[in-house]
């Protein structure tokens, strides 16, 4: 069984392209799929959670290890992927963060003060968006 098939058999997922898609992170109860996966040409599987859960924790939760993301045998040198995740998957994963920011803006507009928890959640949203831009290969300031 390939790394892709093994991983996808253990998580709720959807395929959004020939070699990539999104998955529901098994370590928490997300309302939306915040994880993204991509299979490289040599059979390696890349996974990332925009909620910040480390890959190791995701794999432990479903009974896998980092070695399970690699095919049995890799010949030659491994090349680094310039853009490991398709921009469309990154944007889908970050759509919820935009709603968080919109809700905070509505509070400010109505003259309601943001609580410390609201401010902290906005900081998380900004961090996730910046990470998403980086993973999509978008330069930002």
C-alpha atoms as a PDB file:
ATOM      1  CA  UNK A   1       0.000   0.000   0.000  1.00  0.00           C
ATOM      2  CA  UNK A   2       1.372   3.425  -0.909  1.00  0.00           C
ATOM      3  CA  UNK A   3       1.966   6.110   1.747  1.00  0.00           C
ATOM      4  CA  UNK A   4      -0.926   8.087   0.236  1.00  0.00           C
ATOM      5  CA  UNK A   5      -3.366   5.170   0.367  1.00  0.00           C
ATOM      6  CA  UNK A   6      -2.281   4.189   3.879  1.00  0.00           C
ATOM      7  CA  UNK A   7      -2.725   7.734   5.236  1.00  0.00           C
ATOM      8  CA  UNK A   8      -5.998   8.472   3.451  1.00  0.00           C
ATOM      9  CA  UNK A   9      -7.537   5.208   4.638  1.00  0.00           C
ATOM     10  CA  UNK A  10      -7.183   6.477   8.213  1.00  0.00           C
ATOM     11  CA  UNK A  11      -8.464  10.076   7.943  1.00  0.00           C
ATOM     12  CA  UNK A  12     -11.566  11.797   6.653  1.00  0.00           C
ATOM     13  CA  UNK A  13     -10.428  13.492   3.449  1.00  0.00           C
ATOM     14  CA  UNK A  14     -11.285  14.871   0.044  1.00  0.00           C
ATOM     15  CA  UNK A  15      -9.185  14.908  -3.085  1.00  0.00           C
ATOM     16  CA  UNK A  16      -8.943  18.345  -4.686  1.00  0.00           C
ATOM     17  CA  UNK A  17      -6.539  17.449  -7.501  1.00  0.00           C
ATOM     18  CA  UNK A  18      -4.706  14.553  -9.102  1.00  0.00           C
ATOM     19  CA  UNK A  19      -2.068  14.369  -6.352  1.00  0.00           C
ATOM     20  CA  UNK A  20      -3.364  16.544  -3.517  1.00  0.00           C
ATOM     21  CA  UNK A  21      -6.271  17.245  -1.208  1.00  0.00           C
ATOM     22  CA  UNK A  22      -7.407  18.115   2.281  1.00  0.00           C
ATOM     23  CA  UNK A  23      -8.095  16.121   5.435  1.00  0.00           C
ATOM     24  CA  UNK A  24      -9.748  16.531   8.811  1.00  0.00           C
ATOM     25  CA  UNK A  25      -7.057  16.588  11.504  1.00  0.00           C
ATOM     26  CA  UNK A  26      -7.702  13.636  13.853  1.00  0.00           C
ATOM     27  CA  UNK A  27      -6.321  15.300  17.004  1.00  0.00           C
ATOM     28  CA  UNK A  28      -9.205  17.778  17.325  1.00  0.00           C
ATOM     29  CA  UNK A  29     -12.819  18.245  16.266  1.00  0.00           C
ATOM     30  CA  UNK A  30     -12.565  20.665  13.357  1.00  0.00           C
ATOM     31  CA  UNK A  31     -15.689  21.876  11.597  1.00  0.00           C
ATOM     32  CA  UNK A  32     -13.666  22.263   8.408  1.00  0.00           C
ATOM     33  CA  UNK A  33     -10.762  20.351   6.949  1.00  0.00           C
ATOM     34  CA  UNK A  34      -7.646  22.228   8.004  1.00  0.00           C
ATOM     35  CA  UNK A  35      -5.052  19.687   6.914  1.00  0.00           C
ATOM     36  CA  UNK A  36      -3.639  19.417   3.428  1.00  0.00           C
ATOM     37  CA  UNK A  37      -1.773  16.542   1.774  1.00  0.00           C
ATOM     38  CA  UNK A  38       0.237  16.141  -1.412  1.00  0.00           C
ATOM     39  CA  UNK A  39       1.832  13.107  -3.003  1.00  0.00           C
ATOM     40  CA  UNK A  40       5.159  13.791  -4.715  1.00  0.00           C
ATOM     41  CA  UNK A  41       6.225  12.097  -7.926  1.00  0.00           C
ATOM     42  CA  UNK A  42       8.559   9.739  -6.078  1.00  0.00           C
ATOM     43  CA  UNK A  43       5.772   8.527  -3.762  1.00  0.00           C
ATOM     44  CA  UNK A  44       6.559  10.637  -0.689  1.00  0.00           C
ATOM     45  CA  UNK A  45       3.546  12.112   1.079  1.00  0.00           C
ATOM     46  CA  UNK A  46       3.608  15.648   2.493  1.00  0.00           C
ATOM     47  CA  UNK A  47       1.058  16.665   5.127  1.00  0.00           C
ATOM     48  CA  UNK A  48       0.487  19.993   6.865  1.00  0.00           C
ATOM     49  CA  UNK A  49      -2.069  21.243   9.399  1.00  0.00           C
ATOM     50  CA  UNK A  50      -2.942  24.919   9.213  1.00  0.00           C
ATOM     51  CA  UNK A  51      -4.162  24.675  12.803  1.00  0.00           C
ATOM     52  CA  UNK A  52      -0.570  24.104  13.891  1.00  0.00           C
ATOM     53  CA  UNK A  53      -0.688  20.463  14.987  1.00  0.00           C
ATOM     54  CA  UNK A  54       2.738  18.883  14.473  1.00  0.00           C
ATOM     55  CA  UNK A  55       2.905  16.151  11.833  1.00  0.00           C
ATOM     56  CA  UNK A  56       4.187  13.671  14.421  1.00  0.00           C
ATOM     57  CA  UNK A  57       1.085  14.170  16.613  1.00  0.00           C
ATOM     58  CA  UNK A  58      -1.251  13.672  13.649  1.00  0.00           C
ATOM     59  CA  UNK A  59       0.496  10.457  12.675  1.00  0.00           C
ATOM     60  CA  UNK A  60       0.535   9.072  16.241  1.00  0.00           C
ATOM     61  CA  UNK A  61      -3.217   9.727  16.524  1.00  0.00           C
ATOM     62  CA  UNK A  62      -3.872   7.405  13.558  1.00  0.00           C
ATOM     63  CA  UNK A  63      -1.212   4.839  14.372  1.00  0.00           C
ATOM     64  CA  UNK A  64       1.434   5.833  11.803  1.00  0.00           C
ATOM     65  CA  UNK A  65       5.022   7.106  11.988  1.00  0.00           C
ATOM     66  CA  UNK A  66       7.052   9.488   9.838  1.00  0.00           C
ATOM     67  CA  UNK A  67       8.504   6.486   7.997  1.00  0.00           C
ATOM     68  CA  UNK A  68       4.985   5.707   6.752  1.00  0.00           C
ATOM     69  CA  UNK A  69       5.040   8.897   4.651  1.00  0.00           C
ATOM     70  CA  UNK A  70       7.811   7.454   2.473  1.00  0.00           C
ATOM     71  CA  UNK A  71       7.631   4.624  -0.065  1.00  0.00           C
ATOM     72  CA  UNK A  72       9.508   1.409   0.642  1.00  0.00           C
ATOM     73  CA  UNK A  73      12.506   2.406  -1.445  1.00  0.00           C
ATOM     74  CA  UNK A  74      13.662   5.742  -2.831  1.00  0.00           C
ATOM     75  CA  UNK A  75      16.386   5.750  -5.469  1.00  0.00           C
ATOM     76  CA  UNK A  76      18.703   8.720  -5.967  1.00  0.00           C
ATOM     77  CA  UNK A  77      18.632  12.117  -4.334  1.00  0.00           C
ATOM     78  CA  UNK A  78      15.501  13.709  -2.980  1.00  0.00           C
ATOM     79  CA  UNK A  79      14.735  17.144  -4.361  1.00  0.00           C
ATOM     80  CA  UNK A  80      13.185  19.894  -2.292  1.00  0.00           C
ATOM     81  CA  UNK A  81       9.782  21.001  -3.517  1.00  0.00           C
ATOM     82  CA  UNK A  82       9.632  24.700  -4.314  1.00  0.00           C
ATOM     83  CA  UNK A  83       5.886  24.867  -3.670  1.00  0.00           C
ATOM     84  CA  UNK A  84       4.920  21.771  -1.720  1.00  0.00           C
ATOM     85  CA  UNK A  85       1.192  22.544  -1.540  1.00  0.00           C
ATOM     86  CA  UNK A  86      -1.115  23.889  -4.270  1.00  0.00           C
ATOM     87  CA  UNK A  87      -2.205  27.460  -3.627  1.00  0.00           C
ATOM     88  CA  UNK A  88      -5.877  26.517  -3.979  1.00  0.00           C
ATOM     89  CA  UNK A  89      -5.639  24.085  -1.035  1.00  0.00           C
ATOM     90  CA  UNK A  90      -3.864  26.711   1.056  1.00  0.00           C
ATOM     91  CA  UNK A  91      -6.612  29.227   0.308  1.00  0.00           C
ATOM     92  CA  UNK A  92      -9.352  26.742   1.171  1.00  0.00           C
ATOM     93  CA  UNK A  93      -7.698  25.977   4.499  1.00  0.00           C
ATOM     94  CA  UNK A  94      -7.386  29.671   5.353  1.00  0.00           C
ATOM     95  CA  UNK A  95     -10.929  30.706   4.418  1.00  0.00           C
ATOM     96  CA  UNK A  96     -12.111  30.220   8.006  1.00  0.00           C
ATOM     97  CA  UNK A  97      -9.381  32.534   9.298  1.00  0.00           C
ATOM     98  CA  UNK A  98     -10.738  35.294   7.069  1.00  0.00           C
ATOM     99  CA  UNK A  99     -14.150  34.838   8.742  1.00  0.00           C
ATOM    100  CA  UNK A 100     -12.529  35.178  12.172  1.00  0.00           C
ATOM    101  CA  UNK A 101     -10.992  38.485  11.108  1.00  0.00           C
ATOM    102  CA  UNK A 102     -14.305  39.670   9.626  1.00  0.00           C
ATOM    103  CA  UNK A 103     -16.111  38.889  12.893  1.00  0.00           C
ATOM    104  CA  UNK A 104     -13.516  40.876  14.854  1.00  0.00           C
ATOM    105  CA  UNK A 105     -13.874  43.794  12.457  1.00  0.00           C
ATOM    106  CA  UNK A 106     -17.632  43.762  12.987  1.00  0.00           C
ATOM    107  CA  UNK A 107     -17.098  43.988  16.757  1.00  0.00           C
ATOM    108  CA  UNK A 108     -14.743  46.940  16.366  1.00  0.00           C
ATOM    109  CA  UNK A 109     -17.116  48.689  13.962  1.00  0.00           C
ATOM    110  CA  UNK A 110     -20.001  48.358  16.427  1.00  0.00           C
ATOM    111  CA  UNK A 111     -17.786  49.931  19.114  1.00  0.00           C
ATOM    112  CA  UNK A 112     -17.581  46.722  21.145  1.00  0.00           C
ATOM    113  CA  UNK A 113     -14.122  46.248  22.593  1.00  0.00           C
ATOM    114  CA  UNK A 114     -12.136  43.169  21.688  1.00  0.00           C
ATOM    115  CA  UNK A 115     -11.333  40.979  24.667  1.00  0.00           C
ATOM    116  CA  UNK A 116      -7.842  39.649  25.286  1.00  0.00           C
ATOM    117  CA  UNK A 117      -9.060  36.268  23.996  1.00  0.00           C
ATOM    118  CA  UNK A 118     -10.400  37.915  20.815  1.00  0.00           C
ATOM    119  CA  UNK A 119      -7.072  39.629  20.255  1.00  0.00           C
ATOM    120  CA  UNK A 120      -5.169  36.388  20.823  1.00  0.00           C
ATOM    121  CA  UNK A 121      -7.412  34.572  18.311  1.00  0.00           C
ATOM    122  CA  UNK A 122      -6.749  37.306  15.741  1.00  0.00           C
ATOM    123  CA  UNK A 123      -3.019  36.817  16.250  1.00  0.00           C
ATOM    124  CA  UNK A 124      -3.482  33.079  15.570  1.00  0.00           C
ATOM    125  CA  UNK A 125      -5.440  33.887  12.390  1.00  0.00           C
ATOM    126  CA  UNK A 126      -2.693  36.191  11.148  1.00  0.00           C
ATOM    127  CA  UNK A 127      -0.042  33.572  11.899  1.00  0.00           C
ATOM    128  CA  UNK A 128      -1.977  30.910   9.993  1.00  0.00           C
ATOM    129  CA  UNK A 129      -2.461  33.182   7.009  1.00  0.00           C
ATOM    130  CA  UNK A 130       1.254  34.030   6.912  1.00  0.00           C
ATOM    131  CA  UNK A 131       2.118  30.312   7.111  1.00  0.00           C
ATOM    132  CA  UNK A 132      -0.338  29.614   4.317  1.00  0.00           C
ATOM    133  CA  UNK A 133       1.257  32.233   2.118  1.00  0.00           C
ATOM    134  CA  UNK A 134       4.683  30.762   2.783  1.00  0.00           C
ATOM    135  CA  UNK A 135       3.563  27.218   1.983  1.00  0.00           C
ATOM    136  CA  UNK A 136       1.934  28.396  -1.239  1.00  0.00           C
ATOM    137  CA  UNK A 137       5.220  30.005  -2.253  1.00  0.00           C
ATOM    138  CA  UNK A 138       3.861  33.537  -2.050  1.00  0.00           C
ATOM    139  CA  UNK A 139       6.320  36.236  -0.993  1.00  0.00           C
ATOM    140  CA  UNK A 140       4.950  38.627   1.569  1.00  0.00           C
ATOM    141  CA  UNK A 141       6.296  41.388   3.747  1.00  0.00           C
END
